[in-house]
């Protein structure tokens, strides 16, 4: 943690030196995996440029899982069994590693194994660099002992955010009483009731969930008074930020992360995202994986995790489109800043039993299909308020049973939320269209 605090005030060259040393350490450790042992044979890890190594991604990782692990005792079947047990969220696999599932937003879910060093780095980055909107409060309560934290998200799987919450509850018993998770999959009235009862002082959630809760706050059904609101996991637009801040009367602090590296970037008081580039390398590249200059939006992004040595992720394609800022941030941090065009799914609005429009969160809808049907390759398009079409892509078995299962899950979920008169059709397609972000927009609202 001391090095991370010092690096926050280092020079850009100091950050680059740390990055270079940690890359050499990572390549040395990566030689313990069969995959990189072959690739790095005869090379000096300290003199091997990152650009000399091939691009990888989730398809290659999941297809040759054992080849990418430095711990031979970790096996994919055992990990799948571990992740299938919701009671073990936050536990250590084999007593030493933490495990995260990705949501499959790029068409295929992934399983990521995190070693103790990586978890320690993530914790230190969050504790040291997350910019508080109330520095005076942190001065008198540096450990947050008097806060009431609420995380609103997907809580039924081994997702990075939920694993982190459960892990913090175990590691810090003095915080456990003030830290709770709430599922976005439950009906909105139930969620509102639970949050009203909890009265959180710090609310952490996804931007689309924050917008939904802001609507409830303005309507008067939700009446919480958070002093800090943290968002991440989806794109936060300026309009969304303004709407959320007006409803709750507090400042929003955004972040950028992924299952491959949870705290990629943090937001300063200038509302600019600073990359933790002393521990993660991001490459903004074109469609042929060639580097792009600052200011130009990438076709995709390659990530190298410098902290995790048990499952080395080197030049790993995470699918986001980013652009590094040309001008240094006036906040004074030496860490580079960037703009992110990540997942851009829509909130669907449909009529309820009393005629009042209901908002259905995209993350909730996608999780219903992922967890309930094991389907990740799809697009749900709202053609009209009560008429939706679910298109299944080539990664889904095109059987009538699978299509009907997906339809029933969506109808049942919408009914639980209070939606009436919903009609859903299903179809299959050889390919699903990619949106402007370079990713598949999996939930699309009706135009107008």
Protein backbone atom coordinates (compact mmCIF):
# COMPACT_ATOMS: atom_id res chain seq x y z
CA UNK A 1 0.00 0.00 0.00
CA UNK A 2 2.93 2.34 0.69
CA UNK A 3 4.20 1.98 -2.89
CA UNK A 4 0.72 2.68 -4.27
CA UNK A 5 0.46 5.81 -2.14
CA UNK A 6 3.92 6.95 -3.27
CA UNK A 7 3.12 6.24 -6.94
CA UNK A 8 0.08 8.52 -6.70
CA UNK A 9 2.54 11.40 -6.37
CA UNK A 10 5.30 10.09 -8.64
CA UNK A 11 6.34 11.43 -12.03
CA UNK A 12 5.08 9.84 -15.27
CA UNK A 13 8.56 8.34 -15.65
CA UNK A 14 8.28 6.86 -12.16
CA UNK A 15 5.00 5.20 -13.18
CA UNK A 16 6.60 3.89 -16.38
CA UNK A 17 9.54 2.41 -14.42
CA UNK A 18 7.17 0.59 -12.06
CA UNK A 19 5.18 -0.70 -15.01
CA UNK A 20 8.28 -2.01 -16.80
CA UNK A 21 9.58 -3.84 -13.73
CA UNK A 22 6.21 -5.43 -13.02
CA UNK A 23 5.86 -6.53 -16.63
CA UNK A 24 9.23 -8.29 -16.40
CA UNK A 25 8.10 -9.95 -13.15
CA UNK A 26 4.83 -11.02 -14.78
CA UNK A 27 6.57 -12.57 -17.79
CA UNK A 28 8.92 -14.43 -15.46
CA UNK A 29 5.97 -15.81 -13.50
CA UNK A 30 4.05 -16.58 -16.71
CA UNK A 31 6.70 -19.11 -17.67
CA UNK A 32 5.17 -21.36 -15.02
CA UNK A 33 2.16 -21.84 -17.33
CA UNK A 34 2.38 -24.24 -20.30
CA UNK A 35 1.11 -21.59 -22.72
CA UNK A 36 3.66 -18.90 -21.92
CA UNK A 37 6.45 -21.39 -21.29
CA UNK A 38 6.23 -22.19 -25.00
CA UNK A 39 5.86 -18.56 -26.11
CA UNK A 40 8.71 -17.22 -23.97
CA UNK A 41 11.19 -20.05 -24.53
CA UNK A 42 14.62 -18.53 -25.08
CA UNK A 43 13.46 -14.97 -24.36
CA UNK A 44 14.67 -12.66 -21.62
CA UNK A 45 11.54 -11.54 -19.70
CA UNK A 46 13.22 -8.24 -18.81
CA UNK A 47 13.92 -7.45 -22.47
CA UNK A 48 10.76 -8.75 -24.13
CA UNK A 49 8.46 -5.95 -25.33
CA UNK A 50 4.76 -6.39 -24.77
CA UNK A 51 4.09 -5.90 -28.48
CA UNK A 52 6.10 -9.08 -29.23
CA UNK A 53 3.45 -11.23 -27.54
CA UNK A 54 0.21 -12.37 -29.17
CA UNK A 55 -3.26 -11.07 -28.36
CA UNK A 56 -5.48 -13.40 -26.33
CA UNK A 57 -9.07 -13.40 -25.16
CA UNK A 58 -11.82 -15.33 -23.42
CA UNK A 59 -12.34 -17.89 -26.22
CA UNK A 60 -8.69 -18.95 -26.08
CA UNK A 61 -8.60 -18.82 -22.28
CA UNK A 62 -11.67 -21.00 -21.80
CA UNK A 63 -10.74 -23.43 -24.61
CA UNK A 64 -7.26 -24.07 -23.16
CA UNK A 65 -7.89 -23.22 -19.53
CA UNK A 66 -5.24 -25.42 -17.89
CA UNK A 67 -2.51 -24.07 -20.19
CA UNK A 68 -3.00 -20.57 -18.78
CA UNK A 69 -2.66 -21.48 -15.09
CA UNK A 70 0.48 -21.45 -12.96
CA UNK A 71 -1.18 -23.59 -10.25
CA UNK A 72 -1.61 -27.17 -11.55
CA UNK A 73 -4.04 -28.00 -8.73
CA UNK A 74 -6.62 -25.62 -10.20
CA UNK A 75 -8.89 -27.39 -12.68
CA UNK A 76 -11.79 -26.08 -14.72
CA UNK A 77 -14.30 -28.76 -13.61
CA UNK A 78 -13.52 -28.01 -9.96
CA UNK A 79 -13.87 -24.29 -10.59
CA UNK A 80 -17.22 -24.76 -12.31
CA UNK A 81 -18.48 -26.79 -9.35
CA UNK A 82 -17.19 -24.11 -6.97
CA UNK A 83 -18.92 -21.33 -8.91
CA UNK A 84 -22.18 -23.29 -9.02
CA UNK A 85 -22.38 -23.08 -5.22
CA UNK A 86 -23.77 -19.67 -4.22
CA UNK A 87 -23.02 -20.44 -0.58
CA UNK A 88 -19.29 -20.20 -1.37
CA UNK A 89 -19.33 -16.67 -2.81
CA UNK A 90 -16.35 -14.90 -1.28
CA UNK A 91 -14.62 -18.11 -0.16
CA UNK A 92 -11.09 -19.02 -1.24
CA UNK A 93 -10.78 -21.80 -3.81
CA UNK A 94 -8.36 -24.45 -2.51
CA UNK A 95 -7.92 -22.17 0.48
CA UNK A 96 -5.76 -19.68 -1.45
CA UNK A 97 -7.34 -18.20 -4.61
CA UNK A 98 -10.44 -16.08 -5.18
CA UNK A 99 -12.55 -16.76 -8.25
CA UNK A 100 -14.67 -14.42 -10.34
CA UNK A 101 -17.16 -15.19 -13.08
CA UNK A 102 -17.64 -12.70 -15.89
CA UNK A 103 -21.18 -11.91 -16.99
CA UNK A 104 -20.59 -12.97 -20.59
CA UNK A 105 -21.43 -9.54 -22.03
CA UNK A 106 -19.10 -10.12 -24.99
CA UNK A 107 -20.82 -13.40 -25.88
CA UNK A 108 -18.96 -15.88 -23.67
CA UNK A 109 -18.62 -16.04 -19.88
CA UNK A 110 -15.19 -16.40 -18.35
CA UNK A 111 -13.72 -17.66 -15.08
CA UNK A 112 -10.87 -15.66 -13.59
CA UNK A 113 -8.62 -16.93 -10.82
CA UNK A 114 -7.06 -14.26 -8.59
CA UNK A 115 -4.00 -14.95 -6.45
CA UNK A 116 -3.43 -13.34 -3.00
CA UNK A 117 -1.06 -10.71 -4.39
CA UNK A 118 -3.65 -9.56 -6.92
CA UNK A 119 -6.34 -9.26 -4.26
CA UNK A 120 -4.01 -7.27 -2.03
CA UNK A 121 -3.23 -4.89 -4.90
CA UNK A 122 -6.93 -4.41 -5.73
CA UNK A 123 -7.68 -3.67 -2.06
CA UNK A 124 -4.85 -1.16 -1.79
CA UNK A 125 -5.84 0.63 -5.00
CA UNK A 126 -9.44 0.95 -3.82
CA UNK A 127 -8.45 2.11 -0.35
CA UNK A 128 -5.79 4.57 -1.48
CA UNK A 129 -6.97 6.07 -4.76
CA UNK A 130 -10.76 6.12 -4.71
CA UNK A 131 -11.58 9.82 -4.49
CA UNK A 132 -14.04 10.58 -1.70
CA UNK A 133 -16.55 13.39 -2.05
CA UNK A 134 -16.22 13.92 1.74
CA UNK A 135 -12.51 13.99 2.61
CA UNK A 136 -13.31 15.53 6.00
CA UNK A 137 -15.46 12.50 6.88
CA UNK A 138 -12.63 10.13 5.92
CA UNK A 139 -10.31 12.11 8.17
CA UNK A 140 -12.42 11.33 11.25
CA UNK A 141 -13.56 7.87 10.12
CA UNK A 142 -10.79 6.50 7.84
CA UNK A 143 -12.07 2.91 7.99
CA UNK A 144 -15.74 3.74 7.40
CA UNK A 145 -16.83 2.28 10.71
CA UNK A 146 -19.85 4.57 10.97
CA UNK A 147 -21.01 4.22 7.37
CA UNK A 148 -23.89 2.07 6.13
CA UNK A 149 -22.90 0.65 2.75
CA UNK A 150 -25.37 -0.76 0.23
CA UNK A 151 -24.34 -2.60 -2.92
CA UNK A 152 -27.18 -3.04 -5.42
CA UNK A 153 -26.36 -5.50 -8.17
CA UNK A 154 -26.30 -9.13 -9.27
CA UNK A 155 -25.69 -11.05 -6.04
CA UNK A 156 -26.45 -14.65 -6.94
CA UNK A 157 -23.18 -15.52 -8.68
CA UNK A 158 -19.44 -15.31 -8.14
CA UNK A 159 -19.28 -11.91 -9.81
CA UNK A 160 -16.36 -9.66 -8.90
CA UNK A 161 -18.40 -7.03 -7.04
CA UNK A 162 -20.39 -9.51 -4.95
CA UNK A 163 -17.30 -11.62 -4.17
CA UNK A 164 -15.60 -8.42 -3.01
CA UNK A 165 -18.49 -7.52 -0.72
CA UNK A 166 -18.60 -10.97 0.86
CA UNK A 167 -14.84 -11.08 1.20
CA UNK A 168 -14.73 -7.70 2.94
CA UNK A 169 -17.38 -8.86 5.39
CA UNK A 170 -15.18 -11.81 6.37
CA UNK A 171 -11.87 -9.93 6.46
CA UNK A 172 -13.24 -6.94 8.37
CA UNK A 173 -15.79 -8.09 10.97
CA UNK A 174 -16.01 -4.55 12.31
CA UNK A 175 -17.41 -3.47 8.90
CA UNK A 176 -19.75 -6.42 8.39
CA UNK A 177 -22.58 -4.87 10.39
CA UNK A 178 -22.61 -1.85 8.04
CA UNK A 179 -22.21 -3.59 4.67
CA UNK A 180 -25.12 -5.22 2.81
CA UNK A 181 -25.94 -6.39 -0.73
CA UNK A 182 -29.32 -6.07 -2.43
CA UNK A 183 -30.42 -7.93 -5.55
CA UNK A 184 -31.55 -5.98 -8.59
CA UNK A 185 -33.44 -9.07 -9.76
CA UNK A 186 -36.21 -8.65 -7.20
CA UNK A 187 -39.28 -6.49 -7.87
CA UNK A 188 -38.53 -2.81 -7.57
CA UNK A 189 -41.02 -2.21 -4.71
CA UNK A 190 -39.25 -4.88 -2.64
CA UNK A 191 -35.85 -3.35 -3.38
CA UNK A 192 -37.13 0.10 -2.45
CA UNK A 193 -38.56 -1.21 0.80
CA UNK A 194 -35.28 -2.86 1.74
CA UNK A 195 -33.20 0.23 0.96
CA UNK A 196 -35.57 2.45 2.93
CA UNK A 197 -35.17 0.14 5.91
CA UNK A 198 -31.37 0.04 5.56
CA UNK A 199 -30.95 3.81 4.96
CA UNK A 200 -27.47 3.59 3.42
CA UNK A 201 -25.01 6.47 3.70
CA UNK A 202 -22.98 5.06 0.76
CA UNK A 203 -24.73 3.49 -2.25
CA UNK A 204 -22.77 1.49 -4.86
CA UNK A 205 -24.49 0.24 -7.99
CA UNK A 206 -24.58 0.25 -11.78
CA UNK A 207 -25.50 3.47 -13.62
CA UNK A 208 -28.77 2.07 -14.99
CA UNK A 209 -29.75 0.86 -11.50
CA UNK A 210 -28.89 4.28 -10.09
CA UNK A 211 -31.20 5.88 -12.68
CA UNK A 212 -34.02 3.53 -11.70
CA UNK A 213 -33.53 4.33 -8.02
CA UNK A 214 -33.37 8.05 -8.83
CA UNK A 215 -36.81 7.75 -10.43
CA UNK A 216 -38.14 6.11 -7.28
CA UNK A 217 -36.48 8.79 -5.13
CA UNK A 218 -38.13 11.57 -7.12
CA UNK A 219 -41.46 9.77 -7.00
CA UNK A 220 -41.21 9.63 -3.21
CA UNK A 221 -41.37 5.86 -2.81
CA UNK A 222 -37.64 5.77 -2.07
CA UNK A 223 -36.46 8.19 0.59
CA UNK A 224 -32.81 7.51 1.33
CA UNK A 225 -30.14 10.16 1.84
CA UNK A 226 -26.77 8.77 0.71
CA UNK A 227 -23.84 11.12 1.14
CA UNK A 228 -21.77 9.23 -1.46
CA UNK A 229 -22.91 7.34 -4.56
CA UNK A 230 -20.51 5.08 -6.48
CA UNK A 231 -21.20 3.74 -9.96
CA UNK A 232 -19.38 1.31 -12.24
CA UNK A 233 -19.83 -1.66 -14.55
CA UNK A 234 -21.67 0.23 -17.29
CA UNK A 235 -21.34 3.49 -19.18
CA UNK A 236 -22.31 6.55 -17.16
CA UNK A 237 -23.42 9.35 -19.48
CA UNK A 238 -23.40 13.03 -18.43
CA UNK A 239 -27.20 13.06 -18.56
CA UNK A 240 -27.42 10.03 -16.28
CA UNK A 241 -24.97 11.61 -13.83
CA UNK A 242 -26.97 14.84 -13.66
CA UNK A 243 -30.25 12.99 -13.16
CA UNK A 244 -28.85 10.81 -10.36
CA UNK A 245 -27.16 13.69 -8.54
CA UNK A 246 -30.30 15.84 -8.64
CA UNK A 247 -32.44 13.04 -7.26
CA UNK A 248 -30.14 12.11 -4.36
CA UNK A 249 -28.48 15.44 -3.69
CA UNK A 250 -24.99 14.00 -3.59
CA UNK A 251 -22.03 13.70 -5.95
CA UNK A 252 -21.56 10.60 -8.09
CA UNK A 253 -18.10 9.03 -8.29
CA UNK A 254 -17.66 6.70 -11.25
CA UNK A 255 -15.10 3.95 -11.81
CA UNK A 256 -13.98 1.64 -14.60
CA UNK A 257 -13.27 -2.02 -14.00
CA UNK A 258 -13.58 -5.51 -15.43
CA UNK A 259 -13.44 -9.11 -14.33
CA UNK A 260 -9.92 -9.20 -15.74
CA UNK A 261 -8.79 -6.38 -13.39
CA UNK A 262 -11.36 -4.92 -11.04
CA UNK A 263 -10.05 -1.38 -10.33
CA UNK A 264 -8.83 -0.33 -13.79
CA UNK A 265 -9.52 3.37 -13.28
CA UNK A 266 -10.85 5.75 -10.65
CA UNK A 267 -12.54 9.12 -11.02
CA UNK A 268 -11.01 12.28 -9.57
CA UNK A 269 -12.81 15.49 -8.58
CA UNK A 270 -12.47 16.66 -12.21
CA UNK A 271 -14.72 13.73 -13.24
CA UNK A 272 -11.89 12.17 -15.25
CA UNK A 273 -10.96 8.50 -15.08
CA UNK A 274 -7.33 7.83 -14.09
CA UNK A 275 -5.87 4.46 -15.11
CA UNK A 276 -3.98 2.58 -12.39
CA UNK A 277 -1.20 2.17 -14.93
CA UNK A 278 1.42 1.16 -12.38
CA UNK A 279 -0.50 -2.15 -12.05
CA UNK A 280 -2.44 -2.52 -15.32
CA UNK A 281 -1.51 -1.83 -18.94
CA UNK A 282 -4.22 -0.79 -21.39
CA UNK A 283 -3.54 -0.71 -25.13
CA UNK A 284 -5.93 1.26 -27.35
CA UNK A 285 -5.72 -0.56 -30.70
CA UNK A 286 -7.37 -0.69 -34.10
CA UNK A 287 -9.08 -3.72 -35.68
CA UNK A 288 -5.66 -5.23 -36.53
CA UNK A 289 -4.41 -4.65 -32.96
CA UNK A 290 -2.12 -1.80 -33.96
CA UNK A 291 -1.60 0.97 -31.36
CA UNK A 292 -3.56 4.19 -31.70
CA UNK A 293 -2.48 7.68 -30.58
CA UNK A 294 -4.07 9.51 -27.67
CA UNK A 295 -7.33 11.17 -28.60
CA UNK A 296 -8.39 8.47 -31.07
CA UNK A 297 -11.13 6.01 -30.12
CA UNK A 298 -9.97 2.42 -30.29
CA UNK A 299 -11.60 -0.50 -32.01
CA UNK A 300 -10.92 -2.56 -28.90
CA UNK A 301 -8.72 -2.60 -25.79
CA UNK A 302 -5.98 -4.99 -24.74
CA UNK A 303 -5.42 -5.42 -21.00
CA UNK A 304 -2.36 -6.77 -19.20
CA UNK A 305 -2.80 -7.49 -15.49
CA UNK A 306 0.54 -6.87 -13.77
CA UNK A 307 -0.67 -8.06 -10.35
CA UNK A 308 -2.02 -11.55 -10.99
CA UNK A 309 0.59 -14.28 -11.51
CA UNK A 310 -1.53 -17.42 -11.10
CA UNK A 311 -3.55 -16.80 -14.29
CA UNK A 312 -1.52 -14.37 -16.40
CA UNK A 313 -3.68 -12.13 -18.58
CA UNK A 314 -1.38 -10.58 -21.18
CA UNK A 315 -2.69 -8.46 -24.05
CA UNK A 316 -6.16 -9.74 -23.21
CA UNK A 317 -8.91 -8.37 -25.49
CA UNK A 318 -11.68 -6.96 -23.24
CA UNK A 319 -13.76 -5.53 -26.10
CA UNK A 320 -14.20 -1.98 -24.82
CA UNK A 321 -13.55 1.09 -26.94
CA UNK A 322 -11.41 3.70 -25.20
CA UNK A 323 -9.54 6.89 -25.99
CA UNK A 324 -6.66 8.19 -23.90
CA UNK A 325 -6.82 11.91 -23.19
CA UNK A 326 -4.21 14.11 -24.85
CA UNK A 327 -4.08 16.74 -22.10
CA UNK A 328 -2.95 15.84 -18.59
CA UNK A 329 -5.61 16.16 -15.87
CA UNK A 330 -5.47 19.42 -13.88
CA UNK A 331 -5.95 17.46 -10.65
CA UNK A 332 -2.18 16.82 -10.70
CA UNK A 333 -2.18 13.02 -10.73
CA UNK A 334 0.59 11.47 -12.86
CA UNK A 335 -1.73 8.64 -13.90
CA UNK A 336 -3.13 8.91 -17.46
CA UNK A 337 -6.82 9.56 -18.07
CA UNK A 338 -9.16 8.09 -20.62
CA UNK A 339 -12.68 8.09 -22.00
CA UNK A 340 -14.54 4.77 -22.04
CA UNK A 341 -17.23 3.58 -24.40
CA UNK A 342 -18.21 0.33 -22.73
CA UNK A 343 -21.43 -1.61 -22.57
CA UNK A 344 -24.43 0.45 -23.67
CA UNK A 345 -27.57 -1.51 -22.88
CA UNK A 346 -30.93 0.23 -22.49
CA UNK A 347 -33.47 0.31 -19.68
CA UNK A 348 -36.81 -1.07 -20.91
CA UNK A 349 -40.02 0.71 -19.88
CA UNK A 350 -43.31 -1.22 -19.89
CA UNK A 351 -46.77 -0.57 -18.42
CA UNK A 352 -47.64 -1.95 -14.98
CA UNK A 353 -50.95 -3.14 -13.55
CA UNK A 354 -51.98 0.37 -12.49
CA UNK A 355 -50.92 1.89 -15.80
CA UNK A 356 -47.77 3.40 -14.33
CA UNK A 357 -44.64 2.79 -16.44
CA UNK A 358 -42.15 0.34 -14.91
CA UNK A 359 -38.42 0.32 -15.56
CA UNK A 360 -36.66 -3.00 -16.16
CA UNK A 361 -32.88 -2.93 -15.76
CA UNK A 362 -30.77 -4.41 -18.57
CA UNK A 363 -28.41 -6.15 -16.14
CA UNK A 364 -31.37 -7.84 -14.46
CA UNK A 365 -32.79 -9.00 -17.81
CA UNK A 366 -29.45 -10.37 -19.01
CA UNK A 367 -28.81 -12.10 -15.69
CA UNK A 368 -32.21 -13.82 -15.90
CA UNK A 369 -31.20 -15.39 -19.22
CA UNK A 370 -27.63 -16.14 -18.17
CA UNK A 371 -28.46 -17.80 -14.84
CA UNK A 372 -31.82 -19.29 -15.77
CA UNK A 373 -31.11 -20.62 -19.26
CA UNK A 374 -27.32 -20.51 -19.55
CA UNK A 375 -27.72 -18.25 -22.59
CA UNK A 376 -25.20 -15.46 -23.27
CA UNK A 377 -25.35 -14.87 -27.03
CA UNK A 378 -28.56 -12.91 -27.60
CA UNK A 379 -30.21 -9.56 -28.23
CA UNK A 380 -33.47 -8.52 -26.59
CA UNK A 381 -35.13 -5.80 -28.63
CA UNK A 382 -38.24 -3.93 -27.51
CA UNK A 383 -40.37 -3.32 -30.63
CA UNK A 384 -43.17 -1.66 -28.66
CA UNK A 385 -43.91 -1.21 -24.95
CA UNK A 386 -45.48 -4.68 -24.59
CA UNK A 387 -43.95 -6.40 -27.62
CA UNK A 388 -40.38 -7.71 -27.41
CA UNK A 389 -38.27 -9.90 -29.67
CA UNK A 390 -35.48 -12.12 -28.38
CA UNK A 391 -32.88 -13.04 -31.01
CA UNK A 392 -30.57 -15.94 -30.18
CA UNK A 393 -27.14 -15.94 -31.80
CA UNK A 394 -24.92 -18.75 -33.06
CA UNK A 395 -23.58 -19.47 -29.59
CA UNK A 396 -27.00 -20.74 -28.42
CA UNK A 397 -28.46 -24.22 -29.14
CA UNK A 398 -31.35 -23.50 -31.51
CA UNK A 399 -33.86 -25.90 -30.00
CA UNK A 400 -37.54 -25.12 -29.39
CA UNK A 401 -37.06 -26.02 -25.72
CA UNK A 402 -34.26 -23.47 -25.26
CA UNK A 403 -36.24 -20.75 -27.02
CA UNK A 404 -39.34 -21.44 -24.94
CA UNK A 405 -37.31 -21.54 -21.72
CA UNK A 406 -35.86 -18.10 -22.48
CA UNK A 407 -39.28 -16.68 -23.29
CA UNK A 408 -40.83 -18.09 -20.11
CA UNK A 409 -38.02 -16.72 -17.94
CA UNK A 410 -38.41 -13.22 -19.34
CA UNK A 411 -42.22 -13.25 -19.10
CA UNK A 412 -42.08 -14.55 -15.53
CA UNK A 413 -39.48 -11.97 -14.48
CA UNK A 414 -41.46 -9.12 -16.04
CA UNK A 415 -44.65 -10.36 -14.36
CA UNK A 416 -42.91 -10.36 -10.97
CA UNK A 417 -41.95 -6.75 -11.58
CA UNK A 418 -45.61 -5.91 -12.27
CA UNK A 419 -45.59 -5.72 -16.08
CA UNK A 420 -48.84 -6.78 -17.77
CA UNK A 421 -49.78 -7.78 -21.31
CA UNK A 422 -46.24 -8.63 -22.41
CA UNK A 423 -45.78 -10.58 -25.65
CA UNK A 424 -42.32 -11.98 -26.46
CA UNK A 425 -41.31 -13.69 -29.70
CA UNK A 426 -38.05 -15.56 -30.27
CA UNK A 427 -35.94 -16.04 -33.36
CA UNK A 428 -32.46 -17.21 -34.30
CA UNK A 429 -29.77 -15.47 -36.34
CA UNK A 430 -26.46 -16.46 -37.85
CA UNK A 431 -24.86 -13.33 -36.37
CA UNK A 432 -25.86 -10.58 -33.99
CA UNK A 433 -25.12 -6.91 -34.82
CA UNK A 434 -22.35 -5.08 -32.97
CA UNK A 435 -23.10 -1.55 -31.83
CA UNK A 436 -21.01 1.61 -31.90
CA UNK A 437 -19.12 0.52 -28.79
CA UNK A 438 -17.67 -2.46 -30.63
CA UNK A 439 -19.69 -4.73 -28.36
CA UNK A 440 -23.06 -6.35 -28.74
CA UNK A 441 -25.84 -4.21 -27.31
CA UNK A 442 -27.88 -6.98 -25.73
CA UNK A 443 -30.89 -4.96 -24.54
CA UNK A 444 -32.37 -2.37 -26.92
CA UNK A 445 -35.32 -0.12 -26.05
CA UNK A 446 -38.05 0.82 -28.53
CA UNK A 447 -37.32 3.94 -30.55
CA UNK A 448 -39.08 7.11 -29.49
